[in-house]
Amino acid sequence: MTGAPCKLARMVILAGTIRIGAGKREVALAPIVDMVKATRAEPGCVEYSFAFDVQDDHVLHIFEVFVDDAALAAHRASPHMARWRALMPDVGIGGREMSEYQVSSSRKI
């Protein structure tokens, strides 16, 4: 079953991966949970998730959806994002590969 298309004001989707340093997964887990929880509470956040790869537990798949560019900009300027950026060296974050998509409509399928 498909749903009717939903017209959007240029919704923003980000998708990609980051790599966590060897042996740092447990150190990274609590800050990741905090980051996801805080971001999901932001106005304009539609979806925000991190998931460890089933074949490599040091790779995180990231999927983000914001209602518009302003909501994404507010997220990037948030205190919890600043805390996450400051923590990245401690957990060996590297290999960041992210893509941004501007979406003008969507529908449930």
PDB file of N, CA and C in Angstrom:
ATOM      1  N   MET A   1       0.844  -1.170   0.000  1.00  0.00           N
ATOM      2  CA  MET A   1       0.000   0.000   0.000  1.00  0.00           C
ATOM      3  C   MET A   1       0.895   1.240   0.000  1.00  0.00           C
ATOM      4  N   THR A   2       0.521   2.225  -0.786  1.00  0.00           N
ATOM      5  CA  THR A   2       1.286   3.466  -0.835  1.00  0.00           C
ATOM      6  C   THR A   2       0.434   4.606  -0.318  1.00  0.00           C
ATOM      7  N   GLY A   3       1.089   5.583   0.235  1.00  0.00           N
ATOM      8  CA  GLY A   3       0.389   6.759   0.740  1.00  0.00           C
ATOM      9  C   GLY A   3       0.445   7.874  -0.278  1.00  0.00           C
ATOM     10  N   ALA A   4      -0.361   8.877  -0.054  1.00  0.00           N
ATOM     11  CA  ALA A   4      -0.350  10.050  -0.920  1.00  0.00           C
ATOM     12  C   ALA A   4       0.949  10.811  -0.710  1.00  0.00           C
ATOM     13  N   PRO A   5       1.473  11.417  -1.778  1.00  0.00           N
ATOM     14  CA  PRO A   5       2.700  12.209  -1.611  1.00  0.00           C
ATOM     15  C   PRO A   5       2.500  13.333  -0.609  1.00  0.00           C
ATOM     16  N   CYS A   6       3.545  13.626   0.126  1.00  0.00           N
ATOM     17  CA  CYS A   6       3.526  14.692   1.124  1.00  0.00           C
ATOM     18  C   CYS A   6       4.429  15.812   0.619  1.00  0.00           C
ATOM     19  N   LYS A   7       3.870  16.981   0.399  1.00  0.00           N
ATOM     20  CA  LYS A   7       4.676  18.126  -0.045  1.00  0.00           C
ATOM     21  C   LYS A   7       5.429  18.690   1.149  1.00  0.00           C
ATOM     22  N   LEU A   8       6.686  18.924   0.960  1.00  0.00           N
ATOM     23  CA  LEU A   8       7.552  19.388   2.038  1.00  0.00           C
ATOM     24  C   LEU A   8       8.218  20.702   1.652  1.00  0.00           C
ATOM     25  N   ALA A   9       8.665  21.424   2.650  1.00  0.00           N
ATOM     26  CA  ALA A   9       9.432  22.644   2.426  1.00  0.00           C
ATOM     27  C   ALA A   9      10.908  22.291   2.433  1.00  0.00           C
ATOM     28  N   ARG A  10      11.326  21.558   1.443  1.00  0.00           N
ATOM     29  CA  ARG A  10      12.729  21.134   1.295  1.00  0.00           C
ATOM     30  C   ARG A  10      13.284  20.473   2.539  1.00  0.00           C
ATOM     31  N   MET A  11      12.721  19.348   2.898  1.00  0.00           N
ATOM     32  CA  MET A  11      13.212  18.554   4.018  1.00  0.00           C
ATOM     33  C   MET A  11      14.663  18.146   3.734  1.00  0.00           C
ATOM     34  N   VAL A  12      15.455  18.017   4.782  1.00  0.00           N
ATOM     35  CA  VAL A  12      16.866  17.682   4.650  1.00  0.00           C
ATOM     36  C   VAL A  12      17.110  16.300   5.256  1.00  0.00           C
ATOM     37  N   ILE A  13      17.758  15.439   4.472  1.00  0.00           N
ATOM     38  CA  ILE A  13      18.136  14.107   4.939  1.00  0.00           C
ATOM     39  C   ILE A  13      19.651  14.009   4.883  1.00  0.00           C
ATOM     40  N   LEU A  14      20.246  13.507   5.962  1.00  0.00           N
ATOM     41  CA  LEU A  14      21.673  13.223   5.977  1.00  0.00           C
ATOM     42  C   LEU A  14      21.839  11.733   6.240  1.00  0.00           C
ATOM     43  N   ALA A  15      22.735  11.111   5.513  1.00  0.00           N
ATOM     44  CA  ALA A  15      22.975   9.678   5.689  1.00  0.00           C
ATOM     45  C   ALA A  15      24.448   9.396   5.462  1.00  0.00           C
ATOM     46  N   GLY A  16      24.972   8.478   6.251  1.00  0.00           N
ATOM     47  CA  GLY A  16      26.375   8.129   6.077  1.00  0.00           C
ATOM     48  C   GLY A  16      26.894   7.280   7.211  1.00  0.00           C
ATOM     49  N   THR A  17      28.202   7.282   7.339  1.00  0.00           N
ATOM     50  CA  THR A  17      28.857   6.473   8.362  1.00  0.00           C
ATOM     51  C   THR A  17      29.999   7.257   9.012  1.00  0.00           C
ATOM     52  N   ILE A  18      30.319   6.830  10.228  1.00  0.00           N
ATOM     53  CA  ILE A  18      31.553   7.249  10.896  1.00  0.00           C
ATOM     54  C   ILE A  18      32.191   6.000  11.479  1.00  0.00           C
ATOM     55  N   ARG A  19      33.474   6.085  11.722  1.00  0.00           N
ATOM     56  CA  ARG A  19      34.206   4.970  12.307  1.00  0.00           C
ATOM     57  C   ARG A  19      34.645   5.370  13.708  1.00  0.00           C
ATOM     58  N   ILE A  20      34.462   4.428  14.652  1.00  0.00           N
ATOM     59  CA  ILE A  20      34.900   4.623  16.033  1.00  0.00           C
ATOM     60  C   ILE A  20      36.227   3.885  16.205  1.00  0.00           C
ATOM     61  N   GLY A  21      37.139   4.473  16.948  1.00  0.00           N
ATOM     62  CA  GLY A  21      38.450   3.875  17.153  1.00  0.00           C
ATOM     63  C   GLY A  21      38.376   2.473  17.760  1.00  0.00           C
ATOM     64  N   ALA A  22      39.362   1.657  17.439  1.00  0.00           N
ATOM     65  CA  ALA A  22      39.431   0.288  17.954  1.00  0.00           C
ATOM     66  C   ALA A  22      39.389   0.291  19.482  1.00  0.00           C
ATOM     67  N   GLY A  23      38.530  -0.538  20.031  1.00  0.00           N
ATOM     68  CA  GLY A  23      38.406  -0.648  21.473  1.00  0.00           C
ATOM     69  C   GLY A  23      37.658   0.494  22.138  1.00  0.00           C
ATOM     70  N   LYS A  24      37.065   1.395  21.369  1.00  0.00           N
ATOM     71  CA  LYS A  24      36.407   2.576  21.928  1.00  0.00           C
ATOM     72  C   LYS A  24      34.873   2.507  21.879  1.00  0.00           C
ATOM     73  N   ARG A  25      34.317   1.401  21.406  1.00  0.00           N
ATOM     74  CA  ARG A  25      32.859   1.326  21.258  1.00  0.00           C
ATOM     75  C   ARG A  25      32.146   1.565  22.585  1.00  0.00           C
ATOM     76  N   GLU A  26      32.571   0.921  23.635  1.00  0.00           N
ATOM     77  CA  GLU A  26      31.887   1.071  24.931  1.00  0.00           C
ATOM     78  C   GLU A  26      32.012   2.489  25.474  1.00  0.00           C
ATOM     79  N   VAL A  27      33.154   3.131  25.237  1.00  0.00           N
ATOM     80  CA  VAL A  27      33.354   4.513  25.670  1.00  0.00           C
ATOM     81  C   VAL A  27      32.408   5.445  24.905  1.00  0.00           C
ATOM     82  N   ALA A  28      32.151   5.131  23.643  1.00  0.00           N
ATOM     83  CA  ALA A  28      31.328   5.980  22.789  1.00  0.00           C
ATOM     84  C   ALA A  28      29.835   5.775  23.008  1.00  0.00           C
ATOM     85  N   LEU A  29      29.436   4.636  23.539  1.00  0.00           N
ATOM     86  CA  LEU A  29      28.020   4.290  23.595  1.00  0.00           C
ATOM     87  C   LEU A  29      27.164   5.276  24.393  1.00  0.00           C
ATOM     88  N   ALA A  30      27.553   5.633  25.601  1.00  0.00           N
ATOM     89  CA  ALA A  30      26.749   6.561  26.413  1.00  0.00           C
ATOM     90  C   ALA A  30      26.633   7.931  25.751  1.00  0.00           C
ATOM     91  N   PRO A  31      27.736   8.515  25.238  1.00  0.00           N
ATOM     92  CA  PRO A  31      27.583   9.805  24.543  1.00  0.00           C
ATOM     93  C   PRO A  31      26.707   9.708  23.292  1.00  0.00           C
ATOM     94  N   ILE A  32      26.739   8.574  22.603  1.00  0.00           N
ATOM     95  CA  ILE A  32      25.884   8.391  21.429  1.00  0.00           C
ATOM     96  C   ILE A  32      24.423   8.390  21.860  1.00  0.00           C
ATOM     97  N   VAL A  33      24.111   7.659  22.911  1.00  0.00           N
ATOM     98  CA  VAL A  33      22.729   7.606  23.418  1.00  0.00           C
ATOM     99  C   VAL A  33      22.277   9.011  23.813  1.00  0.00           C
ATOM    100  N   ASP A  34      23.129   9.764  24.505  1.00  0.00           N
ATOM    101  CA  ASP A  34      22.795  11.135  24.904  1.00  0.00           C
ATOM    102  C   ASP A  34      22.549  12.021  23.677  1.00  0.00           C
ATOM    103  N   MET A  35      23.405  11.891  22.671  1.00  0.00           N
ATOM    104  CA  MET A  35      23.284  12.688  21.461  1.00  0.00           C
ATOM    105  C   MET A  35      21.969  12.395  20.741  1.00  0.00           C
ATOM    106  N   VAL A  36      21.643  11.123  20.594  1.00  0.00           N
ATOM    107  CA  VAL A  36      20.405  10.742  19.904  1.00  0.00           C
ATOM    108  C   VAL A  36      19.189  11.249  20.678  1.00  0.00           C
ATOM    109  N   LYS A  37      19.190  11.066  21.981  1.00  0.00           N
ATOM    110  CA  LYS A  37      18.057  11.500  22.802  1.00  0.00           C
ATOM    111  C   LYS A  37      17.855  13.020  22.704  1.00  0.00           C
ATOM    112  N   ALA A  38      18.928  13.781  22.839  1.00  0.00           N
ATOM    113  CA  ALA A  38      18.832  15.247  22.785  1.00  0.00           C
ATOM    114  C   ALA A  38      18.400  15.727  21.404  1.00  0.00           C
ATOM    115  N   THR A  39      18.924  15.105  20.369  1.00  0.00           N
ATOM    116  CA  THR A  39      18.580  15.533  19.010  1.00  0.00           C
ATOM    117  C   THR A  39      17.136  15.215  18.678  1.00  0.00           C
ATOM    118  N   ARG A  40      16.657  14.056  19.087  1.00  0.00           N
ATOM    119  CA  ARG A  40      15.263  13.689  18.817  1.00  0.00           C
ATOM    120  C   ARG A  40      14.282  14.652  19.490  1.00  0.00           C
ATOM    121  N   ALA A  41      14.710  15.323  20.545  1.00  0.00           N
ATOM    122  CA  ALA A  41      13.854  16.283  21.248  1.00  0.00           C
ATOM    123  C   ALA A  41      13.866  17.671  20.595  1.00  0.00           C
ATOM    124  N   GLU A  42      14.733  17.897  19.626  1.00  0.00           N
ATOM    125  CA  GLU A  42      14.827  19.204  18.969  1.00  0.00           C
ATOM    126  C   GLU A  42      13.591  19.475  18.108  1.00  0.00           C
ATOM    127  N   PRO A  43      13.096  20.718  18.142  1.00  0.00           N
ATOM    128  CA  PRO A  43      12.050  21.072  17.176  1.00  0.00           C
ATOM    129  C   PRO A  43      12.630  20.920  15.766  1.00  0.00           C
ATOM    130  N   GLY A  44      11.874  20.344  14.880  1.00  0.00           N
ATOM    131  CA  GLY A  44      12.339  20.200  13.504  1.00  0.00           C
ATOM    132  C   GLY A  44      13.064  18.909  13.208  1.00  0.00           C
ATOM    133  N   CYS A  45      13.338  18.101  14.220  1.00  0.00           N
ATOM    134  CA  CYS A  45      13.949  16.792  13.986  1.00  0.00           C
ATOM    135  C   CYS A  45      12.834  15.783  13.715  1.00  0.00           C
ATOM    136  N   VAL A  46      12.882  15.163  12.562  1.00  0.00           N
ATOM    137  CA  VAL A  46      11.899  14.149  12.180  1.00  0.00           C
ATOM    138  C   VAL A  46      12.412  12.759  12.542  1.00  0.00           C
ATOM    139  N   GLU A  47      13.697  12.518  12.286  1.00  0.00           N
ATOM    140  CA  GLU A  47      14.322  11.215  12.569  1.00  0.00           C
ATOM    141  C   GLU A  47      15.794  11.443  12.832  1.00  0.00           C
ATOM    142  N   TYR A  48      16.332  10.678  13.779  1.00  0.00           N
ATOM    143  CA  TYR A  48      17.758  10.768  14.081  1.00  0.00           C
ATOM    144  C   TYR A  48      18.165   9.437  14.669  1.00  0.00           C
ATOM    145  N   SER A  49      19.026   8.711  13.969  1.00  0.00           N
ATOM    146  CA  SER A  49      19.420   7.404  14.485  1.00  0.00           C
ATOM    147  C   SER A  49      20.857   7.073  14.123  1.00  0.00           C
ATOM    148  N   PHE A  50      21.480   6.372  15.040  1.00  0.00           N
ATOM    149  CA  PHE A  50      22.808   5.801  14.850  1.00  0.00           C
ATOM    150  C   PHE A  50      22.634   4.290  15.006  1.00  0.00           C
ATOM    151  N   ALA A  51      23.292   3.503  14.186  1.00  0.00           N
ATOM    152  CA  ALA A  51      23.215   2.043  14.301  1.00  0.00           C
ATOM    153  C   ALA A  51      24.579   1.446  14.000  1.00  0.00           C
ATOM    154  N   PHE A  52      25.028   0.568  14.871  1.00  0.00           N
ATOM    155  CA  PHE A  52      26.295  -0.118  14.626  1.00  0.00           C
ATOM    156  C   PHE A  52      26.130  -1.106  13.487  1.00  0.00           C
ATOM    157  N   ASP A  53      27.132  -1.210  12.640  1.00  0.00           N
ATOM    158  CA  ASP A  53      27.127  -2.133  11.511  1.00  0.00           C
ATOM    159  C   ASP A  53      27.165  -3.573  12.011  1.00  0.00           C
ATOM    160  N   VAL A  54      26.419  -4.451  11.372  1.00  0.00           N
ATOM    161  CA  VAL A  54      26.370  -5.844  11.816  1.00  0.00           C
ATOM    162  C   VAL A  54      27.652  -6.605  11.518  1.00  0.00           C
ATOM    163  N   GLN A  55      28.478  -6.104  10.602  1.00  0.00           N
ATOM    164  CA  GLN A  55      29.726  -6.792  10.282  1.00  0.00           C
ATOM    165  C   GLN A  55      30.966  -6.110  10.838  1.00  0.00           C
ATOM    166  N   ASP A  56      30.809  -4.897  11.333  1.00  0.00           N
ATOM    167  CA  ASP A  56      31.953  -4.158  11.870  1.00  0.00           C
ATOM    168  C   ASP A  56      31.444  -3.253  12.987  1.00  0.00           C
ATOM    169  N   ASP A  57      31.641  -3.672  14.230  1.00  0.00           N
ATOM    170  CA  ASP A  57      31.063  -2.930  15.356  1.00  0.00           C
ATOM    171  C   ASP A  57      31.795  -1.629  15.687  1.00  0.00           C
ATOM    172  N   HIS A  58      32.687  -1.203  14.796  1.00  0.00           N
ATOM    173  CA  HIS A  58      33.319   0.102  14.938  1.00  0.00           C
ATOM    174  C   HIS A  58      32.832   1.081  13.864  1.00  0.00           C
ATOM    175  N   VAL A  59      31.844   0.661  13.085  1.00  0.00           N
ATOM    176  CA  VAL A  59      31.236   1.534  12.080  1.00  0.00           C
ATOM    177  C   VAL A  59      29.818   1.856  12.529  1.00  0.00           C
ATOM    178  N   LEU A  60      29.502   3.147  12.527  1.00  0.00           N
ATOM    179  CA  LEU A  60      28.157   3.613  12.856  1.00  0.00           C
ATOM    180  C   LEU A  60      27.493   4.148  11.596  1.00  0.00           C
ATOM    181  N   HIS A  61      26.293   3.654  11.327  1.00  0.00           N
ATOM    182  CA  HIS A  61      25.472   4.203  10.253  1.00  0.00           C
ATOM    183  C   HIS A  61      24.623   5.311  10.878  1.00  0.00           C
ATOM    184  N   ILE A  62      24.578   6.446  10.213  1.00  0.00           N
ATOM    185  CA  ILE A  62      23.857   7.602  10.731  1.00  0.00           C
ATOM    186  C   ILE A  62      22.769   7.979   9.722  1.00  0.00           C
ATOM    187  N   PHE A  63      21.569   8.251  10.247  1.00  0.00           N
ATOM    188  CA  PHE A  63      20.450   8.676   9.409  1.00  0.00           C
ATOM    189  C   PHE A  63      19.748   9.812  10.131  1.00  0.00           C
ATOM    190  N   GLU A  64      19.648  10.960   9.466  1.00  0.00           N
ATOM    191  CA  GLU A  64      19.061  12.156  10.064  1.00  0.00           C
ATOM    192  C   GLU A  64      18.043  12.756   9.101  1.00  0.00           C
ATOM    193  N   VAL A  65      16.919  13.214   9.642  1.00  0.00           N
ATOM    194  CA  VAL A  65      15.916  13.916   8.838  1.00  0.00           C
ATOM    195  C   VAL A  65      15.469  15.137   9.629  1.00  0.00           C
ATOM    196  N   PHE A  66      15.562  16.309   8.984  1.00  0.00           N
ATOM    197  CA  PHE A  66      15.126  17.570   9.580  1.00  0.00           C
ATOM    198  C   PHE A  66      14.108  18.224   8.660  1.00  0.00           C
ATOM    199  N   VAL A  67      13.172  18.964   9.241  1.00  0.00           N
ATOM    200  CA  VAL A  67      12.090  19.552   8.444  1.00  0.00           C
ATOM    201  C   VAL A  67      12.582  20.570   7.418  1.00  0.00           C
ATOM    202  N   ASP A  68      13.719  21.214   7.707  1.00  0.00           N
ATOM    203  CA  ASP A  68      14.250  22.200   6.764  1.00  0.00           C
ATOM    204  C   ASP A  68      15.681  22.561   7.140  1.00  0.00           C
ATOM    205  N   ASP A  69      16.275  23.438   6.337  1.00  0.00           N
ATOM    206  CA  ASP A  69      17.663  23.857   6.569  1.00  0.00           C
ATOM    207  C   ASP A  69      17.830  24.566   7.906  1.00  0.00           C
ATOM    208  N   ALA A  70      16.823  25.328   8.317  1.00  0.00           N
ATOM    209  CA  ALA A  70      16.910  26.055   9.587  1.00  0.00           C
ATOM    210  C   ALA A  70      16.975  25.076  10.764  1.00  0.00           C
ATOM    211  N   ALA A  71      16.203  24.007  10.710  1.00  0.00           N
ATOM    212  CA  ALA A  71      16.230  23.008  11.780  1.00  0.00           C
ATOM    213  C   ALA A  71      17.587  22.305  11.821  1.00  0.00           C
ATOM    214  N   LEU A  72      18.148  22.014  10.666  1.00  0.00           N
ATOM    215  CA  LEU A  72      19.478  21.396  10.614  1.00  0.00           C
ATOM    216  C   LEU A  72      20.531  22.365  11.156  1.00  0.00           C
ATOM    217  N   ALA A  73      20.440  23.642  10.798  1.00  0.00           N
ATOM    218  CA  ALA A  73      21.388  24.639  11.304  1.00  0.00           C
ATOM    219  C   ALA A  73      21.301  24.749  12.825  1.00  0.00           C
ATOM    220  N   ALA A  74      20.088  24.720  13.363  1.00  0.00           N
ATOM    221  CA  ALA A  74      19.917  24.780  14.823  1.00  0.00           C
ATOM    222  C   ALA A  74      20.533  23.548  15.477  1.00  0.00           C
ATOM    223  N   HIS A  75      20.361  22.399  14.861  1.00  0.00           N
ATOM    224  CA  HIS A  75      20.975  21.164  15.389  1.00  0.00           C
ATOM    225  C   HIS A  75      22.492  21.296  15.412  1.00  0.00           C
ATOM    226  N   ARG A  76      23.048  21.756  14.321  1.00  0.00           N
ATOM    227  CA  ARG A  76      24.511  21.883  14.237  1.00  0.00           C
ATOM    228  C   ARG A  76      25.065  22.880  15.259  1.00  0.00           C
ATOM    229  N   ALA A  77      24.248  23.847  15.672  1.00  0.00           N
ATOM    230  CA  ALA A  77      24.673  24.854  16.646  1.00  0.00           C
ATOM    231  C   ALA A  77      24.293  24.496  18.081  1.00  0.00           C
ATOM    232  N   SER A  78      23.705  23.336  18.294  1.00  0.00           N
ATOM    233  CA  SER A  78      23.211  22.958  19.621  1.00  0.00           C
ATOM    234  C   SER A  78      24.350  22.618  20.583  1.00  0.00           C
ATOM    235  N   PRO A  79      24.105  22.794  21.878  1.00  0.00           N
ATOM    236  CA  PRO A  79      25.114  22.433  22.877  1.00  0.00           C
ATOM    237  C   PRO A  79      25.474  20.944  22.850  1.00  0.00           C
ATOM    238  N   HIS A  80      24.506  20.069  22.612  1.00  0.00           N
ATOM    239  CA  HIS A  80      24.829  18.639  22.588  1.00  0.00           C
ATOM    240  C   HIS A  80      25.675  18.274  21.366  1.00  0.00           C
ATOM    241  N   MET A  81      25.513  19.005  20.263  1.00  0.00           N
ATOM    242  CA  MET A  81      26.377  18.766  19.109  1.00  0.00           C
ATOM    243  C   MET A  81      27.801  19.240  19.415  1.00  0.00           C
ATOM    244  N   ALA A  82      27.928  20.350  20.119  1.00  0.00           N
ATOM    245  CA  ALA A  82      29.262  20.840  20.514  1.00  0.00           C
ATOM    246  C   ALA A  82      29.946  19.839  21.440  1.00  0.00           C
ATOM    247  N   ARG A  83      29.182  19.274  22.388  1.00  0.00           N
ATOM    248  CA  ARG A  83      29.756  18.249  23.284  1.00  0.00           C
ATOM    249  C   ARG A  83      30.210  17.028  22.484  1.00  0.00           C
ATOM    250  N   TRP A  84      29.402  16.615  21.511  1.00  0.00           N
ATOM    251  CA  TRP A  84      29.745  15.460  20.681  1.00  0.00           C
ATOM    252  C   TRP A  84      31.024  15.726  19.887  1.00  0.00           C
ATOM    253  N   ARG A  85      31.118  16.903  19.278  1.00  0.00           N
ATOM    254  CA  ARG A  85      32.332  17.243  18.517  1.00  0.00           C
ATOM    255  C   ARG A  85      33.573  17.229  19.408  1.00  0.00           C
ATOM    256  N   ALA A  86      33.428  17.750  20.642  1.00  0.00           N
ATOM    257  CA  ALA A  86      34.565  17.788  21.570  1.00  0.00           C
ATOM    258  C   ALA A  86      34.992  16.381  21.981  1.00  0.00           C
ATOM    259  N   LEU A  87      34.051  15.458  22.033  1.00  0.00           N
ATOM    260  CA  LEU A  87      34.331  14.083  22.443  1.00  0.00           C
ATOM    261  C   LEU A  87      34.920  13.235  21.314  1.00  0.00           C
ATOM    262  N   MET A  88      34.710  13.625  20.084  1.00  0.00           N
ATOM    263  CA  MET A  88      35.108  12.804  18.936  1.00  0.00           C
ATOM    264  C   MET A  88      36.560  12.324  18.986  1.00  0.00           C
ATOM    265  N   PRO A  89      37.527  13.160  19.329  1.00  0.00           N
ATOM    266  CA  PRO A  89      38.906  12.651  19.396  1.00  0.00           C
ATOM    267  C   PRO A  89      39.096  11.574  20.475  1.00  0.00           C
ATOM    268  N   ASP A  90      38.371  11.689  21.592  1.00  0.00           N
ATOM    269  CA  ASP A  90      38.508  10.719  22.684  1.00  0.00           C
ATOM    270  C   ASP A  90      38.047   9.322  22.292  1.00  0.00           C
ATOM    271  N   VAL A  91      37.107   9.238  21.361  1.00  0.00           N
ATOM    272  CA  VAL A  91      36.608   7.931  20.934  1.00  0.00           C
ATOM    273  C   VAL A  91      37.113   7.561  19.543  1.00  0.00           C
ATOM    274  N   GLY A  92      38.073   8.327  19.059  1.00  0.00           N
ATOM    275  CA  GLY A  92      38.722   7.987  17.795  1.00  0.00           C
ATOM    276  C   GLY A  92      37.818   8.076  16.585  1.00  0.00           C
ATOM    277  N   ILE A  93      36.884   9.032  16.589  1.00  0.00           N
ATOM    278  CA  ILE A  93      35.993   9.175  15.443  1.00  0.00           C
ATOM    279  C   ILE A  93      36.807   9.584  14.220  1.00  0.00           C
ATOM    280  N   GLY A  94      36.605   8.860  13.150  1.00  0.00           N
ATOM    281  CA  GLY A  94      37.279   9.154  11.890  1.00  0.00           C
ATOM    282  C   GLY A  94      36.500   8.512  10.752  1.00  0.00           C
ATOM    283  N   GLY A  95      37.028   8.613   9.579  1.00  0.00           N
ATOM    284  CA  GLY A  95      36.401   7.976   8.430  1.00  0.00           C
ATOM    285  C   GLY A  95      34.967   8.426   8.208  1.00  0.00           C
ATOM    286  N   ARG A  96      34.697   9.702   8.466  1.00  0.00           N
ATOM    287  CA  ARG A  96      33.341  10.230   8.322  1.00  0.00           C
ATOM    288  C   ARG A  96      32.993  10.341   6.845  1.00  0.00           C
ATOM    289  N   GLU A  97      31.885   9.732   6.467  1.00  0.00           N
ATOM    290  CA  GLU A  97      31.380   9.783   5.093  1.00  0.00           C
ATOM    291  C   GLU A  97      29.895  10.092   5.168  1.00  0.00           C
ATOM    292  N   MET A  98      29.534  11.333   4.963  1.00  0.00           N
ATOM    293  CA  MET A  98      28.135  11.753   5.065  1.00  0.00           C
ATOM    294  C   MET A  98      27.708  12.409   3.751  1.00  0.00           C
ATOM    295  N   SER A  99      26.427  12.239   3.423  1.00  0.00           N
ATOM    296  CA  SER A  99      25.825  12.907   2.278  1.00  0.00           C
ATOM    297  C   SER A  99      24.568  13.618   2.739  1.00  0.00           C
ATOM    298  N   GLU A 100      24.293  14.762   2.118  1.00  0.00           N
ATOM    299  CA  GLU A 100      23.094  15.535   2.430  1.00  0.00           C
ATOM    300  C   GLU A 100      22.187  15.530   1.206  1.00  0.00           C
ATOM    301  N   TYR A 101      20.895  15.320   1.461  1.00  0.00           N
ATOM    302  CA  TYR A 101      19.897  15.284   0.398  1.00  0.00           C
ATOM    303  C   TYR A 101      18.815  16.313   0.699  1.00  0.00           C
ATOM    304  N   GLN A 102      18.433  17.090  -0.290  1.00  0.00           N
ATOM    305  CA  GLN A 102      17.319  18.035  -0.178  1.00  0.00           C
ATOM    306  C   GLN A 102      16.122  17.349  -0.825  1.00  0.00           C
ATOM    307  N   VAL A 103      15.038  17.209  -0.064  1.00  0.00           N
ATOM    308  CA  VAL A 103      13.874  16.448  -0.517  1.00  0.00           C
ATOM    309  C   VAL A 103      12.657  17.363  -0.569  1.00  0.00           C
ATOM    310  N   SER A 104      11.952  17.350  -1.691  1.00  0.00           N
ATOM    311  CA  SER A 104      10.786  18.217  -1.825  1.00  0.00           C
ATOM    312  C   SER A 104       9.467  17.482  -1.623  1.00  0.00           C
ATOM    313  N   SER A 105       9.483  16.139  -1.625  1.00  0.00           N
ATOM    314  CA  SER A 105       8.263  15.389  -1.350  1.00  0.00           C
ATOM    315  C   SER A 105       8.624  13.987  -0.881  1.00  0.00           C
ATOM    316  N   SER A 106       7.677  13.367  -0.213  1.00  0.00           N
ATOM    317  CA  SER A 106       7.863  11.983   0.220  1.00  0.00           C
ATOM    318  C   SER A 106       6.501  11.311   0.288  1.00  0.00           C
ATOM    319  N   ARG A 107       6.522   9.984   0.344  1.00  0.00           N
ATOM    320  CA  ARG A 107       5.292   9.226   0.519  1.00  0.00           C
ATOM    321  C   ARG A 107       5.608   7.918   1.195  1.00  0.00           C
ATOM    322  N   LYS A 108       4.690   7.416   1.970  1.00  0.00           N
ATOM    323  CA  LYS A 108       4.847   6.111   2.615  1.00  0.00           C
ATOM    324  C   LYS A 108       4.616   5.045   1.557  1.00  0.00           C
ATOM    325  N   ILE A 109       5.403   3.981   1.587  1.00  0.00           N
ATOM    326  CA  ILE A 109       5.208   2.879   0.662  1.00  0.00           C
ATOM    327  C   ILE A 109       5.041   1.569   1.398  1.00  0.00           C
TER     328      ILE A 109
END
